[in-house]
Protein backbone atom coordinates (compact mmCIF):
# COMPACT_ATOMS: atom_id res chain seq x y z
CA MET A 1 60.25 -53.57 26.82
CA LEU A 2 62.49 -55.11 29.60
CA GLY A 3 65.07 -52.49 29.19
CA ARG A 4 67.77 -55.03 28.25
CA SER A 5 69.66 -56.14 25.49
CA ARG A 6 68.50 -59.03 23.26
CA GLN A 7 72.08 -60.87 24.12
CA THR A 8 71.36 -60.45 27.85
CA ILE A 9 68.03 -62.24 27.80
CA TYR A 10 69.10 -64.50 25.72
CA LYS A 11 71.80 -65.46 28.34
CA VAL A 12 69.46 -65.59 31.22
CA TYR A 13 67.24 -67.99 29.03
CA ILE A 14 70.16 -70.21 28.45
CA PHE A 15 70.90 -70.28 31.92
CA LEU A 16 67.57 -71.05 33.15
CA LYS A 17 67.10 -73.72 30.45
CA LYS A 18 69.80 -75.83 31.56
CA GLY A 19 67.75 -76.27 35.10
CA SER A 20 69.06 -73.46 37.20
CA SER A 21 66.88 -70.93 39.26
CA ALA A 22 66.71 -67.15 39.04
CA SER A 23 68.05 -67.27 42.65
CA ASP A 24 71.36 -68.60 41.20
CA TYR A 25 71.53 -66.46 38.21
CA TYR A 26 71.47 -63.25 41.00
CA GLN A 27 74.19 -65.23 42.99
CA LYS A 28 76.21 -65.80 39.86
CA TYR A 29 75.47 -62.29 38.98
CA LYS A 30 76.83 -60.84 42.27
CA GLU A 31 79.77 -63.25 42.23
CA ASN A 32 80.79 -61.79 38.52
CA LYS A 33 80.40 -57.96 39.77
CA THR A 34 82.96 -58.42 42.56
CA TYR A 35 85.26 -58.67 39.52
CA CYS A 36 84.10 -55.54 37.94
CA GLY A 37 86.20 -52.09 38.59
CA ARG A 38 89.56 -51.10 39.52
CA ARG A 39 91.87 -53.39 41.40
CA PRO A 40 93.88 -51.51 44.28
CA ILE A 41 97.27 -51.20 43.52
CA ILE A 42 99.67 -53.31 45.89
CA LEU A 43 103.25 -53.56 45.48
CA SER A 44 105.32 -56.69 46.89
CA THR A 45 107.78 -56.48 49.62
CA ASP A 46 110.77 -56.58 47.51
CA GLN A 47 109.00 -53.37 45.06
CA GLN A 48 108.43 -51.46 48.55
CA THR A 49 111.99 -52.00 49.68
CA TYR A 50 113.57 -51.03 46.31
CA VAL A 51 111.58 -47.86 45.93
CA GLN A 52 112.67 -47.05 49.91
CA LYS A 53 116.20 -47.96 49.29
CA MET A 54 116.57 -45.62 45.78
CA THR A 55 114.41 -42.75 47.53
CA ALA A 56 116.70 -42.53 50.11
CA LYS A 57 119.61 -42.13 47.68
CA GLY A 58 117.74 -39.19 46.11
CA TRP A 59 115.93 -40.58 43.27
CA THR A 60 112.28 -39.66 42.05
CA PRO A 61 109.61 -41.71 40.95
CA ASP A 62 109.93 -40.78 37.41
CA VAL A 63 113.82 -42.03 37.69
CA ILE A 64 112.73 -45.43 40.01
CA ILE A 65 110.09 -46.52 37.14
CA GLY A 66 112.23 -45.05 34.14
CA ARG A 67 115.41 -46.87 35.26
CA ALA A 68 113.16 -50.15 35.78
CA GLU A 69 116.05 -52.17 37.20
CA ILE A 70 113.07 -54.17 38.89
CA PRO A 71 109.77 -54.41 37.55
CA ILE A 72 107.43 -51.96 39.62
CA SER A 73 103.73 -52.97 39.03
CA CYS A 74 102.46 -49.26 38.91
CA SER A 75 103.17 -46.10 36.61
CA VAL A 76 105.14 -42.70 37.76
CA ARG A 77 101.93 -40.99 38.54
CA THR A 78 100.41 -43.86 40.56
CA LEU A 79 103.80 -44.26 42.49
CA TYR A 80 103.65 -40.21 43.17
CA ARG A 81 99.84 -40.99 44.40
CA LEU A 82 101.33 -43.56 47.03
CA PHE A 83 103.65 -41.44 48.34
CA LYS A 84 101.03 -38.69 48.58
CA ALA A 85 98.71 -41.38 50.42
CA ASN A 86 101.29 -42.07 52.96
CA TYR A 87 102.07 -45.41 51.47
CA PHE A 88 105.66 -44.19 51.42
CA ASP A 89 107.28 -41.36 53.33
CA ILE A 90 107.09 -38.23 50.97
CA THR A 91 109.33 -36.23 53.00
CA LYS A 92 112.12 -38.38 51.72
CA LEU A 93 111.51 -37.27 47.66
CA PRO A 94 114.35 -35.00 46.76
CA MET A 95 111.88 -32.11 45.71
CA LYS A 96 108.55 -31.67 44.93
CA GLY A 97 107.22 -29.26 42.11
CA LYS A 98 104.01 -28.28 40.21
CA ARG A 99 102.85 -30.02 37.36
CA LYS A 100 101.57 -27.76 34.48
CA PRO A 101 99.01 -28.97 32.04
CA ASN A 102 100.23 -29.74 28.66
CA GLY A 103 100.11 -26.76 26.47
CA HIS A 104 100.86 -24.50 29.66
CA ASN A 105 102.72 -21.10 28.92
CA GLU A 106 103.89 -19.23 31.95
CA ARG A 107 103.71 -15.62 31.32
CA ARG A 108 104.56 -14.29 34.83
CA GLY A 109 107.53 -12.00 35.67
CA ARG A 110 108.86 -11.98 31.89
CA GLN A 111 111.31 -9.36 30.61
CA ALA A 112 111.05 -8.15 27.05
CA PHE A 113 114.93 -6.97 26.63
CA LYS A 114 117.43 -9.12 28.03
CA ARG A 115 120.64 -11.11 26.96
CA ASN A 116 119.89 -14.65 26.15
CA ILE A 117 121.65 -17.44 27.32
CA SER A 118 122.65 -18.45 23.50
CA GLU A 119 124.99 -15.69 23.30
CA ARG A 120 126.83 -16.82 26.71
CA LEU A 121 128.80 -19.58 24.41
CA THR A 122 129.52 -16.99 21.61
CA ASP A 123 131.22 -14.32 24.46
CA TYR A 124 132.96 -17.20 26.20
CA THR A 125 134.01 -20.03 23.92
CA GLN A 126 135.84 -21.69 26.99
CA PHE A 127 132.71 -21.22 29.12
CA ASN A 128 132.16 -25.31 29.85
CA GLN A 129 136.03 -25.44 30.69
CA GLU A 130 136.87 -22.21 33.06
CA PHE A 131 136.03 -21.01 36.30
CA GLU A 132 134.61 -17.78 36.72
CA HIS A 133 130.64 -18.46 35.63
CA LEU A 134 127.53 -18.19 37.94
CA GLU A 135 124.16 -19.38 37.89
CA GLY A 136 121.73 -17.32 40.10
CA ASP A 137 118.34 -17.72 41.27
CA THR A 138 115.98 -16.96 44.56
CA ILE A 139 114.41 -18.92 47.07
CA VAL A 140 111.23 -17.35 48.06
CA GLY A 141 110.25 -17.55 51.89
CA VAL A 142 106.98 -18.34 53.82
CA HIS A 143 103.99 -16.11 52.46
CA HIS A 144 106.28 -14.55 49.73
CA LYS A 145 107.55 -12.02 52.10
CA SER A 146 111.05 -12.70 51.80
CA ALA A 147 113.82 -14.24 49.81
CA VAL A 148 117.51 -15.18 49.70
CA ILE A 149 119.39 -15.04 46.63
CA THR A 150 121.48 -18.16 45.62
CA LEU A 151 124.49 -18.28 43.50
CA ILE A 152 126.90 -21.22 42.15
CA GLU A 153 130.16 -21.19 40.69
CA ARG A 154 129.60 -23.86 38.07
CA LEU A 155 132.98 -25.58 37.97
CA SER A 156 134.01 -25.33 41.57
CA LYS A 157 130.41 -26.07 42.61
CA VAL A 158 130.65 -23.40 45.55
CA ILE A 159 127.19 -21.99 46.46
CA ILE A 160 126.89 -18.65 47.69
CA THR A 161 124.00 -17.26 49.50
CA LEU A 162 122.97 -13.38 50.11
CA LYS A 163 120.33 -11.98 52.07
CA PRO A 164 118.53 -9.13 50.44
CA GLU A 165 116.19 -6.26 52.04
CA GLY A 166 113.17 -7.83 50.34
CA ARG A 167 111.96 -9.50 47.28
CA LYS A 168 112.04 -6.40 44.92
CA ALA A 169 114.43 -5.84 41.74
CA THR A 170 116.16 -3.02 43.83
CA ASP A 171 116.58 -5.27 47.00
CA ILE A 172 118.23 -8.20 44.40
CA GLU A 173 120.52 -5.37 42.82
CA LYS A 174 121.56 -3.85 45.86
CA ALA A 175 122.74 -7.20 47.48
CA THR A 176 124.22 -8.64 44.36
CA THR A 177 126.11 -5.34 43.69
CA ALA A 178 127.32 -5.38 47.69
CA TRP A 179 128.59 -8.68 47.23
CA LEU A 180 130.37 -8.16 44.02
CA GLN A 181 132.23 -5.38 45.07
CA SER A 182 133.32 -6.92 48.14
CA ILE A 183 135.39 -9.63 46.14
CA PRO A 184 138.35 -8.76 43.76
CA LYS A 185 137.03 -6.76 40.56
CA ASN A 186 136.54 -9.14 37.73
CA MET A 187 136.76 -12.26 39.63
CA PHE A 188 133.53 -13.40 37.81
CA LYS A 189 132.68 -13.12 34.23
CA SER A 190 129.24 -14.23 34.01
CA LEU A 191 125.92 -14.77 35.64
CA THR A 192 123.10 -16.25 34.48
CA PHE A 193 119.42 -16.02 36.00
CA ASP A 194 115.91 -17.13 34.91
CA CYS A 195 113.58 -14.86 33.73
CA GLY A 196 111.92 -13.78 37.08
CA LYS A 197 111.15 -10.10 37.54
CA GLU A 198 113.03 -9.70 40.44
CA PHE A 199 116.10 -9.43 38.39
CA SER A 200 114.87 -6.74 35.98
CA ASN A 201 117.35 -4.30 37.29
CA TRP A 202 120.15 -6.52 35.47
CA LYS A 203 121.61 -3.80 33.61
CA GLU A 204 122.47 -1.71 36.44
CA THR A 205 124.17 -4.68 38.08
CA SER A 206 126.05 -5.75 34.99
CA ASN A 207 127.16 -2.02 34.42
CA ALA A 208 128.24 -1.42 37.82
CA ASN A 209 130.33 -4.61 38.42
CA ASP A 210 131.74 -5.11 34.71
CA ILE A 211 129.90 -8.49 34.35
CA SER A 212 128.13 -10.31 31.76
CA ILE A 213 124.45 -11.37 32.67
CA TYR A 214 122.26 -13.92 30.77
CA PHE A 215 119.14 -15.11 31.18
CA ALA A 216 117.65 -18.73 30.44
CA ASP A 217 114.67 -19.52 28.46
CA PRO A 218 111.29 -19.29 29.83
CA GLY A 219 109.96 -22.83 31.38
CA THR A 220 113.55 -24.35 30.75
CA PRO A 221 115.01 -25.07 34.16
CA SER A 222 117.36 -27.85 32.39
CA GLN A 223 119.45 -24.68 31.30
CA ARG A 224 120.23 -23.91 34.72
CA ARG A 225 120.14 -27.19 36.45
CA LEU A 226 122.97 -26.94 38.58
CA ASN A 227 121.53 -23.89 40.08
CA LYS A 228 118.03 -25.65 40.90
CA ASN A 229 119.94 -28.78 42.22
CA SER A 230 121.76 -26.76 44.72
CA ASN A 231 118.71 -24.79 45.57
CA GLY A 232 116.86 -28.33 46.37
CA ILE A 233 119.87 -28.99 48.89
CA LEU A 234 119.66 -25.68 50.49
CA CYS A 235 115.65 -26.22 50.74
CA ARG A 236 116.24 -29.63 52.27
CA ASN A 237 119.36 -28.59 54.53
CA GLY A 238 118.15 -25.34 56.52
CA LEU A 239 116.60 -23.06 53.79
CA PRO A 240 113.11 -24.31 53.74
CA LYS A 241 110.51 -22.19 51.64
CA LYS A 242 108.43 -22.33 55.00
CA MET A 243 110.89 -20.38 56.56
CA ASP A 244 110.51 -16.39 57.23
CA PHE A 245 114.08 -15.43 55.98
CA ASN A 246 113.78 -11.86 57.72
CA GLN A 247 114.35 -13.40 60.60
CA VAL A 248 117.73 -15.15 59.43
CA ASP A 249 120.98 -13.37 60.15
């Protein structure tokens, strides 16, 4: 009839039986209500200083929380939210990616016929110790209208950037072939790309330049982490994705 549980009614009854008034109960109710709900996340001065210091060194929130050198009173996701809310300077983060939901299966731009990265170590048993092996990718410019090809030699860490005429597979093929033919023949033995459709003319590039081309597994940037890290460096230092690369000489 009252729309309240028996326990609630009994608590009110006991409260009033002790000599308190209904007004006293209401004031007590309002006071208790202030303790309900989520508390705002407030980091101490030491924690704020530590986060700013580690971010300046190139650490991400995942690393800051994961290393746990000092306790941070929030989760990784909350720390990212604090950056997004300008609690910290978001431009200081090393790089920013897109979170994919659990179970997400990327289907865009896959190639059905290619040489898998698993064959690379079989073909080149000294792969991890010898010069002459490249990793490659593209950085796409503003409005997806332009691109830059990025290559990095795994042992020396030398970064090479090439400017294709466009983003199509034929453009990537022409620019890559032109560069490979401008250097001594067989200077490089292998080249590893991701599964982007811009590299679908890989057979033509491989045959014309006598170079083995492999492809990493879909959704595994860790197989080409050196190239991904170098792309991040380039994006932060002169080749941001908001740039129109067609205007770059």
